[in-house]
Amino acid sequence: MAGGHRPVYVISIAAGLAGCHPRTLRIYEEEGLLEPVRTETNIRLYSDDDLQRVRVIRYLTQVRGVNLAGVKLLLHMRDANDLMEDLVRELAELGADDEDEGAGADSAGEAPKRDRNEGARF
C-alpha cells in the first residue's frame, strides 16, 4: 500500500488527528461510514485516507447539518462517482490504444476491428 492508503494510526492517535473522540470513530464504523483495517489482535488501524473521510463526515454533520444516514448516502454517491470517473478514464485509454492500432490497419487498407462491447451502456 502506498501513500494515504497505508493504515498506520491506532484509534487514539487517529481521533486526535481528526479532532474527535475515539468513540466517534467507533460510531462511524458501526454506521458503515468508515472501515479501518484490523490487525491480527483486532486493533483498528486508520490511514490518512480514513482521516480525510472522517473530516468530510464531520464537515457534513457539523457544518452542513446532515445526519449520518444522509452522510452515508452522500459518501456512497461520491465513491460511485469516483468509480465512474476511473472507468471513463480507462475506457478513454483503451479507445486511444484502439485508435493507435486502427491507424496501422487503415494504412494497410483494412478496416479497424471493433470491440464487441463498443457503444454498450453501463
PDB file of N, CA and C in Angstrom:
ATOM      1  N   MET A   1       0.836  -1.176   0.000  1.00  0.00           N
ATOM      2  CA  MET A   1       0.000   0.000   0.000  1.00  0.00           C
ATOM      3  C   MET A   1       0.878   1.236   0.000  1.00  0.00           C
ATOM      4  N   ALA A   2       0.411   2.262  -0.653  1.00  0.00           N
ATOM      5  CA  ALA A   2       1.221   3.462  -0.755  1.00  0.00           C
ATOM      6  C   ALA A   2       0.446   4.678  -0.293  1.00  0.00           C
ATOM      7  N   GLY A   3       1.182   5.666   0.159  1.00  0.00           N
ATOM      8  CA  GLY A   3       0.612   6.968   0.473  1.00  0.00           C
ATOM      9  C   GLY A   3      -0.503   6.923   1.485  1.00  0.00           C
ATOM     10  N   GLY A   4      -1.628   7.549   1.160  1.00  0.00           N
ATOM     11  CA  GLY A   4      -2.739   7.701   2.076  1.00  0.00           C
ATOM     12  C   GLY A   4      -3.517   6.444   2.368  1.00  0.00           C
ATOM     13  N   HIS A   5      -3.216   5.349   1.648  1.00  0.00           N
ATOM     14  CA  HIS A   5      -3.961   4.113   1.849  1.00  0.00           C
ATOM     15  C   HIS A   5      -3.374   3.252   2.961  1.00  0.00           C
ATOM     16  N   ARG A   6      -2.167   3.556   3.390  1.00  0.00           N
ATOM     17  CA  ARG A   6      -1.462   2.709   4.346  1.00  0.00           C
ATOM     18  C   ARG A   6      -1.980   2.964   5.760  1.00  0.00           C
ATOM     19  N   PRO A   7      -2.579   1.957   6.396  1.00  0.00           N
ATOM     20  CA  PRO A   7      -3.103   2.140   7.751  1.00  0.00           C
ATOM     21  C   PRO A   7      -1.969   2.151   8.777  1.00  0.00           C
ATOM     22  N   VAL A   8      -1.847   3.243   9.493  1.00  0.00           N
ATOM     23  CA  VAL A   8      -0.738   3.366  10.439  1.00  0.00           C
ATOM     24  C   VAL A   8      -1.141   3.888  11.817  1.00  0.00           C
ATOM     25  N   TYR A   9      -2.307   4.499  11.953  1.00  0.00           N
ATOM     26  CA  TYR A   9      -2.679   5.147  13.203  1.00  0.00           C
ATOM     27  C   TYR A   9      -3.639   4.292  14.022  1.00  0.00           C
ATOM     28  N   VAL A  10      -3.319   4.118  15.318  1.00  0.00           N
ATOM     29  CA  VAL A  10      -4.272   3.467  16.221  1.00  0.00           C
ATOM     30  C   VAL A  10      -5.386   4.467  16.507  1.00  0.00           C
ATOM     31  N   ILE A  11      -6.467   3.998  17.095  1.00  0.00           N
ATOM     32  CA  ILE A  11      -7.668   4.825  17.224  1.00  0.00           C
ATOM     33  C   ILE A  11      -7.436   6.114  18.014  1.00  0.00           C
ATOM     34  N   SER A  12      -6.654   6.066  19.084  1.00  0.00           N
ATOM     35  CA  SER A  12      -6.443   7.282  19.882  1.00  0.00           C
ATOM     36  C   SER A  12      -5.688   8.346  19.089  1.00  0.00           C
ATOM     37  N   ILE A  13      -4.692   7.939  18.334  1.00  0.00           N
ATOM     38  CA  ILE A  13      -3.927   8.882  17.510  1.00  0.00           C
ATOM     39  C   ILE A  13      -4.795   9.395  16.364  1.00  0.00           C
ATOM     40  N   ALA A  14      -5.517   8.492  15.718  1.00  0.00           N
ATOM     41  CA  ALA A  14      -6.386   8.881  14.601  1.00  0.00           C
ATOM     42  C   ALA A  14      -7.436   9.889  15.059  1.00  0.00           C
ATOM     43  N   ALA A  15      -8.034   9.630  16.220  1.00  0.00           N
ATOM     44  CA  ALA A  15      -9.046  10.547  16.739  1.00  0.00           C
ATOM     45  C   ALA A  15      -8.435  11.917  17.013  1.00  0.00           C
ATOM     46  N   GLY A  16      -7.251  11.939  17.600  1.00  0.00           N
ATOM     47  CA  GLY A  16      -6.579  13.208  17.863  1.00  0.00           C
ATOM     48  C   GLY A  16      -6.286  13.974  16.585  1.00  0.00           C
ATOM     49  N   LEU A  17      -5.807  13.265  15.573  1.00  0.00           N
ATOM     50  CA  LEU A  17      -5.505  13.912  14.298  1.00  0.00           C
ATOM     51  C   LEU A  17      -6.767  14.420  13.600  1.00  0.00           C
ATOM     52  N   ALA A  18      -7.871  13.704  13.781  1.00  0.00           N
ATOM     53  CA  ALA A  18      -9.129  14.092  13.136  1.00  0.00           C
ATOM     54  C   ALA A  18      -9.922  15.100  13.967  1.00  0.00           C
ATOM     55  N   GLY A  19      -9.478  15.333  15.197  1.00  0.00           N
ATOM     56  CA  GLY A  19     -10.162  16.302  16.047  1.00  0.00           C
ATOM     57  C   GLY A  19     -11.458  15.790  16.635  1.00  0.00           C
ATOM     58  N   CYS A  20     -11.505  14.514  16.954  1.00  0.00           N
ATOM     59  CA  CYS A  20     -12.720  13.951  17.539  1.00  0.00           C
ATOM     60  C   CYS A  20     -12.352  12.938  18.624  1.00  0.00           C
ATOM     61  N   HIS A  21     -13.344  12.387  19.272  1.00  0.00           N
ATOM     62  CA  HIS A  21     -13.164  11.384  20.319  1.00  0.00           C
ATOM     63  C   HIS A  21     -13.069  10.003  19.669  1.00  0.00           C
ATOM     64  N   PRO A  22     -12.297   9.086  20.251  1.00  0.00           N
ATOM     65  CA  PRO A  22     -12.233   7.725  19.692  1.00  0.00           C
ATOM     66  C   PRO A  22     -13.611   7.076  19.536  1.00  0.00           C
ATOM     67  N   ARG A  23     -14.529   7.380  20.446  1.00  0.00           N
ATOM     68  CA  ARG A  23     -15.885   6.814  20.346  1.00  0.00           C
ATOM     69  C   ARG A  23     -16.555   7.254  19.046  1.00  0.00           C
ATOM     70  N   THR A  24     -16.266   8.460  18.599  1.00  0.00           N
ATOM     71  CA  THR A  24     -16.833   8.955  17.341  1.00  0.00           C
ATOM     72  C   THR A  24     -16.402   8.064  16.182  1.00  0.00           C
ATOM     73  N   LEU A  25     -15.133   7.678  16.170  1.00  0.00           N
ATOM     74  CA  LEU A  25     -14.647   6.791  15.107  1.00  0.00           C
ATOM     75  C   LEU A  25     -15.334   5.434  15.176  1.00  0.00           C
ATOM     76  N   ARG A  26     -15.570   4.944  16.395  1.00  0.00           N
ATOM     77  CA  ARG A  26     -16.273   3.661  16.542  1.00  0.00           C
ATOM     78  C   ARG A  26     -17.707   3.769  16.018  1.00  0.00           C
ATOM     79  N   ILE A  27     -18.351   4.889  16.315  1.00  0.00           N
ATOM     80  CA  ILE A  27     -19.725   5.099  15.826  1.00  0.00           C
ATOM     81  C   ILE A  27     -19.739   5.140  14.301  1.00  0.00           C
ATOM     82  N   TYR A  28     -18.799   5.861  13.708  1.00  0.00           N
ATOM     83  CA  TYR A  28     -18.726   5.926  12.249  1.00  0.00           C
ATOM     84  C   TYR A  28     -18.524   4.534  11.659  1.00  0.00           C
ATOM     85  N   GLU A  29     -17.735   3.720  12.341  1.00  0.00           N
ATOM     86  CA  GLU A  29     -17.539   2.345  11.872  1.00  0.00           C
ATOM     87  C   GLU A  29     -18.836   1.545  12.011  1.00  0.00           C
ATOM     88  N   GLU A  30     -19.503   1.670  13.149  1.00  0.00           N
ATOM     89  CA  GLU A  30     -20.771   0.961  13.372  1.00  0.00           C
ATOM     90  C   GLU A  30     -21.818   1.353  12.337  1.00  0.00           C
ATOM     91  N   GLU A  31     -21.810   2.601  11.920  1.00  0.00           N
ATOM     92  CA  GLU A  31     -22.774   3.109  10.937  1.00  0.00           C
ATOM     93  C   GLU A  31     -22.381   2.783   9.500  1.00  0.00           C
ATOM     94  N   GLY A  32     -21.216   2.165   9.319  1.00  0.00           N
ATOM     95  CA  GLY A  32     -20.773   1.796   7.979  1.00  0.00           C
ATOM     96  C   GLY A  32     -20.153   2.942   7.197  1.00  0.00           C
ATOM     97  N   LEU A  33     -19.751   3.997   7.896  1.00  0.00           N
ATOM     98  CA  LEU A  33     -19.153   5.159   7.242  1.00  0.00           C
ATOM     99  C   LEU A  33     -17.642   5.044   7.115  1.00  0.00           C
ATOM    100  N   LEU A  34     -17.060   4.160   7.898  1.00  0.00           N
ATOM    101  CA  LEU A  34     -15.614   4.043   7.987  1.00  0.00           C
ATOM    102  C   LEU A  34     -15.265   2.574   8.175  1.00  0.00           C
ATOM    103  N   GLU A  35     -14.219   2.120   7.502  1.00  0.00           N
ATOM    104  CA  GLU A  35     -13.803   0.722   7.617  1.00  0.00           C
ATOM    105  C   GLU A  35     -12.303   0.643   7.891  1.00  0.00           C
ATOM    106  N   PRO A  36     -11.909   0.808   9.160  1.00  0.00           N
ATOM    107  CA  PRO A  36     -10.482   0.708   9.456  1.00  0.00           C
ATOM    108  C   PRO A  36      -9.998  -0.730   9.284  1.00  0.00           C
ATOM    109  N   VAL A  37      -8.717  -0.853   9.017  1.00  0.00           N
ATOM    110  CA  VAL A  37      -8.101  -2.175   8.930  1.00  0.00           C
ATOM    111  C   VAL A  37      -7.958  -2.701  10.352  1.00  0.00           C
ATOM    112  N   ARG A  38      -8.096  -4.004  10.517  1.00  0.00           N
ATOM    113  CA  ARG A  38      -7.894  -4.618  11.834  1.00  0.00           C
ATOM    114  C   ARG A  38      -6.638  -5.472  11.802  1.00  0.00           C
ATOM    115  N   THR A  39      -5.862  -5.389  12.880  1.00  0.00           N
ATOM    116  CA  THR A  39      -4.674  -6.231  12.992  1.00  0.00           C
ATOM    117  C   THR A  39      -5.095  -7.629  13.424  1.00  0.00           C
ATOM    118  N   GLU A  40      -4.134  -8.534  13.509  1.00  0.00           N
ATOM    119  CA  GLU A  40      -4.426  -9.898  13.968  1.00  0.00           C
ATOM    120  C   GLU A  40      -4.971  -9.896  15.389  1.00  0.00           C
ATOM    121  N   THR A  41      -4.595  -8.890  16.169  1.00  0.00           N
ATOM    122  CA  THR A  41      -5.085  -8.780  17.546  1.00  0.00           C
ATOM    123  C   THR A  41      -6.303  -7.860  17.644  1.00  0.00           C
ATOM    124  N   ASN A  42      -6.935  -7.575  16.513  1.00  0.00           N
ATOM    125  CA  ASN A  42      -8.192  -6.825  16.419  1.00  0.00           C
ATOM    126  C   ASN A  42      -8.068  -5.331  16.742  1.00  0.00           C
ATOM    127  N   ILE A  43      -6.881  -4.792  16.625  1.00  0.00           N
ATOM    128  CA  ILE A  43      -6.686  -3.355  16.836  1.00  0.00           C
ATOM    129  C   ILE A  43      -7.002  -2.628  15.532  1.00  0.00           C
ATOM    130  N   ARG A  44      -7.789  -1.562  15.654  1.00  0.00           N
ATOM    131  CA  ARG A  44      -8.128  -0.761  14.474  1.00  0.00           C
ATOM    132  C   ARG A  44      -6.927   0.089  14.064  1.00  0.00           C
ATOM    133  N   LEU A  45      -6.670   0.123  12.752  1.00  0.00           N
ATOM    134  CA  LEU A  45      -5.632   0.997  12.208  1.00  0.00           C
ATOM    135  C   LEU A  45      -6.249   1.872  11.123  1.00  0.00           C
ATOM    136  N   TYR A  46      -5.954   3.157  11.190  1.00  0.00           N
ATOM    137  CA  TYR A  46      -6.520   4.135  10.269  1.00  0.00           C
ATOM    138  C   TYR A  46      -5.439   4.707   9.361  1.00  0.00           C
ATOM    139  N   SER A  47      -5.813   4.981   8.134  1.00  0.00           N
ATOM    140  CA  SER A  47      -4.899   5.571   7.147  1.00  0.00           C
ATOM    141  C   SER A  47      -5.183   7.067   7.027  1.00  0.00           C
ATOM    142  N   ASP A  48      -4.323   7.753   6.290  1.00  0.00           N
ATOM    143  CA  ASP A  48      -4.573   9.171   6.009  1.00  0.00           C
ATOM    144  C   ASP A  48      -5.871   9.345   5.219  1.00  0.00           C
ATOM    145  N   ASP A  49      -6.173   8.399   4.329  1.00  0.00           N
ATOM    146  CA  ASP A  49      -7.442   8.449   3.586  1.00  0.00           C
ATOM    147  C   ASP A  49      -8.630   8.331   4.540  1.00  0.00           C
ATOM    148  N   ASP A  50      -8.513   7.449   5.541  1.00  0.00           N
ATOM    149  CA  ASP A  50      -9.573   7.311   6.545  1.00  0.00           C
ATOM    150  C   ASP A  50      -9.769   8.629   7.293  1.00  0.00           C
ATOM    151  N   LEU A  51      -8.662   9.267   7.654  1.00  0.00           N
ATOM    152  CA  LEU A  51      -8.755  10.536   8.383  1.00  0.00           C
ATOM    153  C   LEU A  51      -9.402  11.619   7.525  1.00  0.00           C
ATOM    154  N   GLN A  52      -9.102  11.636   6.251  1.00  0.00           N
ATOM    155  CA  GLN A  52      -9.744  12.595   5.355  1.00  0.00           C
ATOM    156  C   GLN A  52     -11.245  12.324   5.280  1.00  0.00           C
ATOM    157  N   ARG A  53     -11.613  11.055   5.248  1.00  0.00           N
ATOM    158  CA  ARG A  53     -13.033  10.686   5.220  1.00  0.00           C
ATOM    159  C   ARG A  53     -13.722  11.154   6.505  1.00  0.00           C
ATOM    160  N   VAL A  54     -13.045  11.012   7.645  1.00  0.00           N
ATOM    161  CA  VAL A  54     -13.601  11.484   8.918  1.00  0.00           C
ATOM    162  C   VAL A  54     -13.816  12.993   8.862  1.00  0.00           C
ATOM    163  N   ARG A  55     -12.873  13.710   8.306  1.00  0.00           N
ATOM    164  CA  ARG A  55     -13.016  15.168   8.196  1.00  0.00           C
ATOM    165  C   ARG A  55     -14.221  15.541   7.332  1.00  0.00           C
ATOM    166  N   VAL A  56     -14.438  14.795   6.264  1.00  0.00           N
ATOM    167  CA  VAL A  56     -15.607  15.038   5.404  1.00  0.00           C
ATOM    168  C   VAL A  56     -16.889  14.750   6.182  1.00  0.00           C
ATOM    169  N   ILE A  57     -16.912  13.636   6.902  1.00  0.00           N
ATOM    170  CA  ILE A  57     -18.096  13.269   7.693  1.00  0.00           C
ATOM    171  C   ILE A  57     -18.391  14.361   8.717  1.00  0.00           C
ATOM    172  N   ARG A  58     -17.371  14.808   9.419  1.00  0.00           N
ATOM    173  CA  ARG A  58     -17.557  15.843  10.445  1.00  0.00           C
ATOM    174  C   ARG A  58     -18.022  17.167   9.825  1.00  0.00           C
ATOM    175  N   TYR A  59     -17.490  17.515   8.677  1.00  0.00           N
ATOM    176  CA  TYR A  59     -17.936  18.731   7.992  1.00  0.00           C
ATOM    177  C   TYR A  59     -19.423  18.625   7.640  1.00  0.00           C
ATOM    178  N   LEU A  60     -19.790  17.496   7.057  1.00  0.00           N
ATOM    179  CA  LEU A  60     -21.184  17.325   6.640  1.00  0.00           C
ATOM    180  C   LEU A  60     -22.138  17.347   7.828  1.00  0.00           C
ATOM    181  N   THR A  61     -21.746  16.711   8.942  1.00  0.00           N
ATOM    182  CA  THR A  61     -22.640  16.656  10.098  1.00  0.00           C
ATOM    183  C   THR A  61     -22.649  17.960  10.883  1.00  0.00           C
ATOM    184  N   GLN A  62     -21.484  18.540  11.111  1.00  0.00           N
ATOM    185  CA  GLN A  62     -21.401  19.700  11.997  1.00  0.00           C
ATOM    186  C   GLN A  62     -21.647  21.033  11.293  1.00  0.00           C
ATOM    187  N   VAL A  63     -21.171  21.165  10.074  1.00  0.00           N
ATOM    188  CA  VAL A  63     -21.317  22.442   9.367  1.00  0.00           C
ATOM    189  C   VAL A  63     -22.577  22.456   8.508  1.00  0.00           C
ATOM    190  N   ARG A  64     -22.806  21.365   7.804  1.00  0.00           N
ATOM    191  CA  ARG A  64     -23.937  21.320   6.872  1.00  0.00           C
ATOM    192  C   ARG A  64     -25.210  20.744   7.493  1.00  0.00           C
ATOM    193  N   GLY A  65     -25.112  20.149   8.682  1.00  0.00           N
ATOM    194  CA  GLY A  65     -26.298  19.649   9.369  1.00  0.00           C
ATOM    195  C   GLY A  65     -26.875  18.361   8.804  1.00  0.00           C
ATOM    196  N   VAL A  66     -26.069  17.584   8.107  1.00  0.00           N
ATOM    197  CA  VAL A  66     -26.532  16.326   7.516  1.00  0.00           C
ATOM    198  C   VAL A  66     -26.459  15.228   8.574  1.00  0.00           C
ATOM    199  N   ASN A  67     -27.507  14.409   8.670  1.00  0.00           N
ATOM    200  CA  ASN A  67     -27.454  13.295   9.620  1.00  0.00           C
ATOM    201  C   ASN A  67     -26.605  12.160   9.047  1.00  0.00           C
ATOM    202  N   LEU A  68     -26.283  11.163   9.883  1.00  0.00           N
ATOM    203  CA  LEU A  68     -25.368  10.104   9.453  1.00  0.00           C
ATOM    204  C   LEU A  68     -25.921   9.288   8.291  1.00  0.00           C
ATOM    205  N   ALA A  69     -27.235   9.097   8.243  1.00  0.00           N
ATOM    206  CA  ALA A  69     -27.823   8.374   7.105  1.00  0.00           C
ATOM    207  C   ALA A  69     -27.599   9.163   5.811  1.00  0.00           C
ATOM    208  N   GLY A  70     -27.758  10.469   5.884  1.00  0.00           N
ATOM    209  CA  GLY A  70     -27.509  11.313   4.717  1.00  0.00           C
ATOM    210  C   GLY A  70     -26.047  11.324   4.324  1.00  0.00           C
ATOM    211  N   VAL A  71     -25.175  11.342   5.329  1.00  0.00           N
ATOM    212  CA  VAL A  71     -23.735  11.299   5.065  1.00  0.00           C
ATOM    213  C   VAL A  71     -23.383  10.003   4.354  1.00  0.00           C
ATOM    214  N   LYS A  72     -23.965   8.911   4.831  1.00  0.00           N
ATOM    215  CA  LYS A  72     -23.690   7.603   4.216  1.00  0.00           C
ATOM    216  C   LYS A  72     -24.089   7.615   2.743  1.00  0.00           C
ATOM    217  N   LEU A  73     -25.242   8.169   2.451  1.00  0.00           N
ATOM    218  CA  LEU A  73     -25.713   8.264   1.070  1.00  0.00           C
ATOM    219  C   LEU A  73     -24.787   9.147   0.229  1.00  0.00           C
ATOM    220  N   LEU A  74     -24.414  10.297   0.757  1.00  0.00           N
ATOM    221  CA  LEU A  74     -23.524  11.204   0.025  1.00  0.00           C
ATOM    222  C   LEU A  74     -22.159  10.570  -0.234  1.00  0.00           C
ATOM    223  N   LEU A  75     -21.615   9.878   0.763  1.00  0.00           N
ATOM    224  CA  LEU A  75     -20.319   9.221   0.578  1.00  0.00           C
ATOM    225  C   LEU A  75     -20.423   8.088  -0.437  1.00  0.00           C
ATOM    226  N   HIS A  76     -21.543   7.373  -0.395  1.00  0.00           N
ATOM    227  CA  HIS A  76     -21.754   6.301  -1.375  1.00  0.00           C
ATOM    228  C   HIS A  76     -21.805   6.886  -2.789  1.00  0.00           C
ATOM    229  N   MET A  77     -22.505   8.010  -2.930  1.00  0.00           N
ATOM    230  CA  MET A  77     -22.590   8.661  -4.240  1.00  0.00           C
ATOM    231  C   MET A  77     -21.215   9.157  -4.690  1.00  0.00           C
ATOM    232  N   ARG A  78     -20.437   9.710  -3.762  1.00  0.00           N
ATOM    233  CA  ARG A  78     -19.092  10.185  -4.106  1.00  0.00           C
ATOM    234  C   ARG A  78     -18.205   9.023  -4.536  1.00  0.00           C
ATOM    235  N   ASP A  79     -18.285   7.905  -3.804  1.00  0.00           N
ATOM    236  CA  ASP A  79     -17.484   6.730  -4.157  1.00  0.00           C
ATOM    237  C   ASP A  79     -17.890   6.189  -5.523  1.00  0.00           C
ATOM    238  N   ALA A  80     -19.206   6.166  -5.792  1.00  0.00           N
ATOM    239  CA  ALA A  80     -19.689   5.692  -7.096  1.00  0.00           C
ATOM    240  C   ALA A  80     -19.212   6.625  -8.206  1.00  0.00           C
ATOM    241  N   ASN A  81     -19.230   7.922  -7.947  1.00  0.00           N
ATOM    242  CA  ASN A  81     -18.748   8.892  -8.933  1.00  0.00           C
ATOM    243  C   ASN A  81     -17.255   8.692  -9.206  1.00  0.00           C
ATOM    244  N   ASP A  82     -16.485   8.458  -8.148  1.00  0.00           N
ATOM    245  CA  ASP A  82     -15.048   8.203  -8.322  1.00  0.00           C
ATOM    246  C   ASP A  82     -14.825   6.967  -9.177  1.00  0.00           C
ATOM    247  N   LEU A  83     -15.620   5.926  -8.936  1.00  0.00           N
ATOM    248  CA  LEU A  83     -15.510   4.699  -9.728  1.00  0.00           C
ATOM    249  C   LEU A  83     -15.838   4.970 -11.191  1.00  0.00           C
ATOM    250  N   MET A  84     -16.908   5.722 -11.435  1.00  0.00           N
ATOM    251  CA  MET A  84     -17.287   6.043 -12.813  1.00  0.00           C
ATOM    252  C   MET A  84     -16.193   6.856 -13.508  1.00  0.00           C
ATOM    253  N   GLU A  85     -15.598   7.799 -12.800  1.00  0.00           N
ATOM    254  CA  GLU A  85     -14.509   8.584 -13.390  1.00  0.00           C
ATOM    255  C   GLU A  85     -13.329   7.687 -13.753  1.00  0.00           C
ATOM    256  N   ASP A  86     -13.022   6.720 -12.881  1.00  0.00           N
ATOM    257  CA  ASP A  86     -11.942   5.768 -13.181  1.00  0.00           C
ATOM    258  C   ASP A  86     -12.275   4.950 -14.422  1.00  0.00           C
ATOM    259  N   LEU A  87     -13.530   4.489 -14.519  1.00  0.00           N
ATOM    260  CA  LEU A  87     -13.939   3.689 -15.675  1.00  0.00           C
ATOM    261  C   LEU A  87     -13.887   4.506 -16.962  1.00  0.00           C
ATOM    262  N   VAL A  88     -14.347   5.735 -16.908  1.00  0.00           N
ATOM    263  CA  VAL A  88     -14.309   6.602 -18.093  1.00  0.00           C
ATOM    264  C   VAL A  88     -12.863   6.821 -18.531  1.00  0.00           C
ATOM    265  N   ARG A  89     -11.989   7.055 -17.565  1.00  0.00           N
ATOM    266  CA  ARG A  89     -10.568   7.256 -17.877  1.00  0.00           C
ATOM    267  C   ARG A  89      -9.970   5.995 -18.513  1.00  0.00           C
ATOM    268  N   GLU A  90     -10.289   4.822 -17.947  1.00  0.00           N
ATOM    269  CA  GLU A  90      -9.788   3.562 -18.508  1.00  0.00           C
ATOM    270  C   GLU A  90     -10.320   3.336 -19.921  1.00  0.00           C
ATOM    271  N   LEU A  91     -11.605   3.616 -20.123  1.00  0.00           N
ATOM    272  CA  LEU A  91     -12.190   3.448 -21.454  1.00  0.00           C
ATOM    273  C   LEU A  91     -11.559   4.413 -22.452  1.00  0.00           C
ATOM    274  N   ALA A  92     -11.280   5.626 -22.020  1.00  0.00           N
ATOM    275  CA  ALA A  92     -10.631   6.593 -22.907  1.00  0.00           C
ATOM    276  C   ALA A  92      -9.234   6.110 -23.286  1.00  0.00           C
ATOM    277  N   GLU A  93      -8.523   5.536 -22.321  1.00  0.00           N
ATOM    278  CA  GLU A  93      -7.191   5.000 -22.609  1.00  0.00           C
ATOM    279  C   GLU A  93      -7.284   3.825 -23.575  1.00  0.00           C
ATOM    280  N   LEU A  94      -8.278   2.966 -23.366  1.00  0.00           N
ATOM    281  CA  LEU A  94      -8.473   1.842 -24.285  1.00  0.00           C
ATOM    282  C   LEU A  94      -8.819   2.346 -25.675  1.00  0.00           C
ATOM    283  N   GLY A  95      -9.647   3.373 -25.749  1.00  0.00           N
ATOM    284  CA  GLY A  95     -10.013   3.954 -27.040  1.00  0.00           C
ATOM    285  C   GLY A  95      -8.813   4.542 -27.745  1.00  0.00           C
ATOM    286  N   ALA A  96      -7.939   5.186 -26.990  1.00  0.00           N
ATOM    287  CA  ALA A  96      -6.725   5.749 -27.589  1.00  0.00           C
ATOM    288  C   ALA A  96      -5.829   4.635 -28.110  1.00  0.00           C
ATOM    289  N   ASP A  97      -5.746   3.530 -27.368  1.00  0.00           N
ATOM    290  CA  ASP A  97      -4.956   2.382 -27.823  1.00  0.00           C
ATOM    291  C   ASP A  97      -5.555   1.794 -29.092  1.00  0.00           C
ATOM    292  N   ASP A  98      -6.904   1.689 -29.133  1.00  0.00           N
ATOM    293  CA  ASP A  98      -7.576   1.148 -30.319  1.00  0.00           C
ATOM    294  C   ASP A  98      -7.333   2.041 -31.532  1.00  0.00           C
ATOM    295  N   GLU A  99      -7.355   3.361 -31.328  1.00  0.00           N
ATOM    296  CA  GLU A  99      -7.108   4.286 -32.436  1.00  0.00           C
ATOM    297  C   GLU A  99      -5.696   4.124 -32.967  1.00  0.00           C
ATOM    298  N   ASP A 100      -4.746   3.924 -32.058  1.00  0.00           N
ATOM    299  CA  ASP A 100      -3.359   3.716 -32.490  1.00  0.00           C
ATOM    300  C   ASP A 100      -3.246   2.447 -33.324  1.00  0.00           C
ATOM    301  N   GLU A 101      -3.901   1.377 -32.874  1.00  0.00           N
ATOM    302  CA  GLU A 101      -3.876   0.119 -33.621  1.00  0.00           C
ATOM    303  C   GLU A 101      -4.645   0.261 -34.928  1.00  0.00           C
ATOM    304  N   GLY A 102      -5.765   0.972 -34.889  1.00  0.00           N
ATOM    305  CA  GLY A 102      -6.595   1.160 -36.075  1.00  0.00           C
ATOM    306  C   GLY A 102      -5.897   1.982 -37.137  1.00  0.00           C
ATOM    307  N   ALA A 103      -5.072   2.918 -36.737  1.00  0.00           N
ATOM    308  CA  ALA A 103      -4.357   3.747 -37.707  1.00  0.00           C
ATOM    309  C   ALA A 103      -3.434   2.885 -38.549  1.00  0.00           C
ATOM    310  N   GLY A 104      -2.824   1.903 -37.941  1.00  0.00           N
ATOM    311  CA  GLY A 104      -1.959   0.994 -38.691  1.00  0.00           C
ATOM    312  C   GLY A 104      -2.756   0.135 -39.642  1.00  0.00           C
ATOM    313  N   ALA A 105      -3.929  -0.308 -39.221  1.00  0.00           N
ATOM    314  CA  ALA A 105      -4.762  -1.156 -40.075  1.00  0.00           C
ATOM    315  C   ALA A 105      -5.323  -0.355 -41.236  1.00  0.00           C
ATOM    316  N   ASP A 106      -5.699   0.909 -40.984  1.00  0.00           N
ATOM    317  CA  ASP A 106      -6.246   1.744 -42.052  1.00  0.00           C
ATOM    318  C   ASP A 106      -5.217   1.960 -43.154  1.00  0.00           C
ATOM    319  N   SER A 107      -3.984   2.167 -42.770  1.00  0.00           N
ATOM    320  CA  SER A 107      -2.962   2.428 -43.776  1.00  0.00           C
ATOM    321  C   SER A 107      -2.679   1.187 -44.607  1.00  0.00           C
ATOM    322  N   ALA A 108      -3.013   0.014 -44.084  1.00  0.00           N
ATOM    323  CA  ALA A 108      -2.809  -1.224 -44.837  1.00  0.00           C
ATOM    324  C   ALA A 108      -4.045  -1.565 -45.663  1.00  0.00           C
ATOM    325  N   GLY A 109      -5.077  -0.717 -45.613  1.00  0.00           N
ATOM    326  CA  GLY A 109      -6.282  -0.949 -46.402  1.00  0.00           C
ATOM    327  C   GLY A 109      -7.307  -1.823 -45.705  1.00  0.00           C
ATOM    328  N   GLU A 110      -7.100  -2.117 -44.418  1.00  0.00           N
ATOM    329  CA  GLU A 110      -8.052  -2.941 -43.674  1.00  0.00           C
ATOM    330  C   GLU A 110      -8.866  -2.047 -42.748  1.00  0.00           C
ATOM    331  N   ALA A 111     -10.080  -2.466 -42.507  1.00  0.00           N
ATOM    332  CA  ALA A 111     -10.919  -1.735 -41.568  1.00  0.00           C
ATOM    333  C   ALA A 111     -10.460  -2.064 -40.154  1.00  0.00           C
ATOM    334  N   PRO A 112     -10.492  -1.092 -39.257  1.00  0.00           N
ATOM    335  CA  PRO A 112     -10.108  -1.386 -37.876  1.00  0.00           C
ATOM    336  C   PRO A 112     -11.113  -2.341 -37.248  1.00  0.00           C
ATOM    337  N   LYS A 113     -10.626  -3.189 -36.349  1.00  0.00           N
ATOM    338  CA  LYS A 113     -11.502  -4.138 -35.661  1.00  0.00           C
ATOM    339  C   LYS A 113     -12.305  -3.388 -34.621  1.00  0.00           C
ATOM    340  N   ARG A 114     -13.569  -3.760 -34.473  1.00  0.00           N
ATOM    341  CA  ARG A 114     -14.435  -3.125 -33.490  1.00  0.00           C
ATOM    342  C   ARG A 114     -14.576  -4.041 -32.285  1.00  0.00           C
ATOM    343  N   ASP A 115     -14.591  -3.422 -31.153  1.00  0.00           N
ATOM    344  CA  ASP A 115     -14.819  -4.154 -29.916  1.00  0.00           C
ATOM    345  C   ASP A 115     -16.291  -4.554 -29.877  1.00  0.00           C
ATOM    346  N   ARG A 116     -16.565  -5.770 -29.466  1.00  0.00           N
ATOM    347  CA  ARG A 116     -17.960  -6.232 -29.443  1.00  0.00           C
ATOM    348  C   ARG A 116     -18.795  -5.458 -28.430  1.00  0.00           C
ATOM    349  N   ASN A 117     -18.148  -4.785 -27.474  1.00  0.00           N
ATOM    350  CA  ASN A 117     -18.878  -4.012 -26.479  1.00  0.00           C
ATOM    351  C   ASN A 117     -18.939  -2.532 -26.821  1.00  0.00           C
ATOM    352  N   GLU A 118     -18.449  -2.163 -27.995  1.00  0.00           N
ATOM    353  CA  GLU A 118     -18.435  -0.758 -28.367  1.00  0.00           C
ATOM    354  C   GLU A 118     -19.863  -0.230 -28.406  1.00  0.00           C
ATOM    355  N   GLY A 119     -20.042   0.897 -27.779  1.00  0.00           N
ATOM    356  CA  GLY A 119     -21.366   1.514 -27.740  1.00  0.00           C
ATOM    357  C   GLY A 119     -22.247   0.972 -26.626  1.00  0.00           C
ATOM    358  N   ALA A 120     -21.741   0.004 -25.860  1.00  0.00           N
ATOM    359  CA  ALA A 120     -22.536  -0.556 -24.763  1.00  0.00           C
ATOM    360  C   ALA A 120     -22.681   0.484 -23.661  1.00  0.00           C
ATOM    361  N   ARG A 121     -23.813   0.477 -22.992  1.00  0.00           N
ATOM    362  CA  ARG A 121     -24.057   1.404 -21.888  1.00  0.00           C
ATOM    363  C   ARG A 121     -23.930   0.653 -20.574  1.00  0.00           C
ATOM    364  N   PHE A 122     -23.556   1.410 -19.558  1.00  0.00           N
ATOM    365  CA  PHE A 122     -23.420   0.820 -18.219  1.00  0.00           C
ATOM    366  C   PHE A 122     -24.756   0.764 -17.544  1.00  0.00           C
TER     367      PHE A 122
END
